[in-house]
Protein backbone atom coordinates (compact mmCIF):
# COMPACT_ATOMS: atom_id res chain seq x y z
CA MET A 1 118.46 107.37 104.78
CA PRO A 2 119.45 109.51 108.03
CA GLY A 3 118.26 109.89 111.55
CA THR A 4 115.37 108.07 112.42
CA ILE A 5 113.41 105.64 109.97
CA ASP A 6 109.88 105.78 110.00
CA ILE A 7 106.96 104.44 107.87
CA ASP A 8 105.71 107.69 106.84
CA ARG A 9 108.69 109.12 105.89
CA ILE A 10 109.64 106.27 103.77
CA PHE A 11 106.23 106.50 101.81
CA ARG A 12 106.32 110.34 101.52
CA GLU A 13 110.28 109.99 100.00
CA ASN A 14 108.91 107.53 97.40
CA ARG A 15 106.16 110.00 96.33
CA ALA A 16 108.66 112.04 95.73
CA SER A 17 109.63 110.03 92.41
CA PRO A 18 107.55 110.67 89.30
CA PRO A 19 104.48 107.96 89.20
CA SER A 20 106.04 105.53 86.90
CA GLU A 21 109.28 105.04 88.95
CA ARG A 22 107.39 104.71 92.32
CA THR A 23 107.68 101.48 94.34
CA LEU A 24 104.78 101.75 97.23
CA PRO A 25 101.25 102.58 96.93
CA TRP A 26 100.44 106.41 96.99
CA GLU A 27 96.51 107.96 97.29
CA GLU A 28 95.08 110.41 94.80
CA THR A 29 91.79 112.19 94.92
CA CYS A 30 89.85 113.58 92.22
CA ASP A 31 86.18 114.30 91.74
CA GLY A 32 85.68 113.39 95.29
CA ILE A 33 87.00 110.05 94.87
CA THR A 34 90.08 108.47 96.53
CA VAL A 35 92.05 105.81 94.92
CA VAL A 36 95.42 104.06 96.25
CA VAL A 37 97.50 103.55 93.21
CA GLU A 38 99.28 100.22 93.27
CA PRO A 39 102.69 100.45 91.54
CA LYS A 40 103.40 98.76 88.23
CA PRO A 41 104.82 95.15 88.68
CA HIS A 42 107.32 94.56 86.03
CA TRP A 43 104.99 92.55 83.42
CA ALA A 44 102.08 94.91 83.76
CA ASP A 45 101.27 97.42 81.00
CA ASP A 46 99.84 99.95 83.32
CA MET A 47 99.03 100.47 87.06
CA ARG A 48 96.06 99.97 89.27
CA ALA A 49 94.38 102.46 91.01
CA PHE A 50 91.55 101.00 93.74
CA ARG A 51 88.75 102.93 95.05
CA LEU A 52 89.95 103.60 98.78
CA GLU A 53 87.08 101.88 100.55
CA ALA A 54 85.44 99.75 98.08
CA ARG A 55 86.51 96.50 95.90
CA ALA A 56 87.08 98.13 93.29
CA TYR A 57 89.66 98.86 90.84
CA CYS A 58 90.70 101.01 87.16
CA ARG A 59 93.43 101.36 85.11
CA TYR A 60 95.61 104.49 86.11
CA ALA A 61 95.46 105.69 82.53
CA ASP A 62 91.75 105.92 82.82
CA TRP A 63 92.05 107.96 86.06
CA THR A 64 94.58 110.27 85.37
CA ALA A 65 92.47 110.90 82.22
CA ASN A 66 89.01 110.52 83.50
CA GLY A 67 89.30 110.98 87.43
CA GLY A 68 86.47 110.12 89.31
CA HIS A 69 84.55 109.19 85.74
CA ALA A 70 86.80 106.37 85.06
CA ARG A 71 85.49 103.22 84.61
CA PHE A 72 85.76 100.91 87.73
CA TYR A 73 85.66 97.37 88.00
CA GLY A 74 84.67 95.18 91.13
CA HIS A 75 87.45 93.26 92.76
CA ILE A 76 86.60 90.14 94.82
CA ASP A 77 88.77 91.06 97.92
CA THR A 78 91.04 94.01 97.39
CA SER A 79 90.30 97.98 97.91
CA GLY A 80 92.36 100.58 98.06
CA ASP A 81 92.86 100.50 101.98
CA ASP A 82 93.89 97.18 101.66
CA VAL A 83 96.65 97.77 99.44
CA MET A 84 97.81 100.50 101.60
CA MET A 85 97.65 98.22 104.72
CA ARG A 86 99.71 95.35 103.05
CA ALA A 87 102.56 98.13 101.63
CA ARG A 88 102.71 99.67 105.36
CA ALA A 89 103.21 95.92 106.82
CA MET A 90 105.58 95.20 104.80
CA ILE A 91 107.86 98.20 105.37
CA ALA A 92 107.53 97.26 109.15
CA ARG A 93 108.20 93.98 108.99
CA GLU A 94 111.30 95.32 106.83
CA ILE A 95 112.22 98.06 109.15
CA ALA A 96 111.94 95.38 112.18
CA ASP A 97 114.31 93.08 110.31
CA GLY A 98 116.72 95.91 109.95
CA LEU A 99 116.59 96.24 106.21
CA TRP A 100 116.27 100.04 106.53
CA ASP A 101 119.18 100.80 108.42
């Protein structure tokens, strides 16, 4: 990455990849509901979409098929905002450690 590295640029460049190849979470909105999609770990059969401001999630396949009518399940401690904040903190630490030079 030439020039100054910042977190927003890293997220923008990650978003340029197809969803199945992304390594960082991203936001999507449909039917007035915003979710943060968590990238698929190597062991998972599908990604999860967490509601931005609620501790609830659904399968990404359900989200892409049904949008705001997807079936959301309660999650004891994670919202979409939590997912995004953890990812941003991880990138900030990696930048500070010189891993993005």
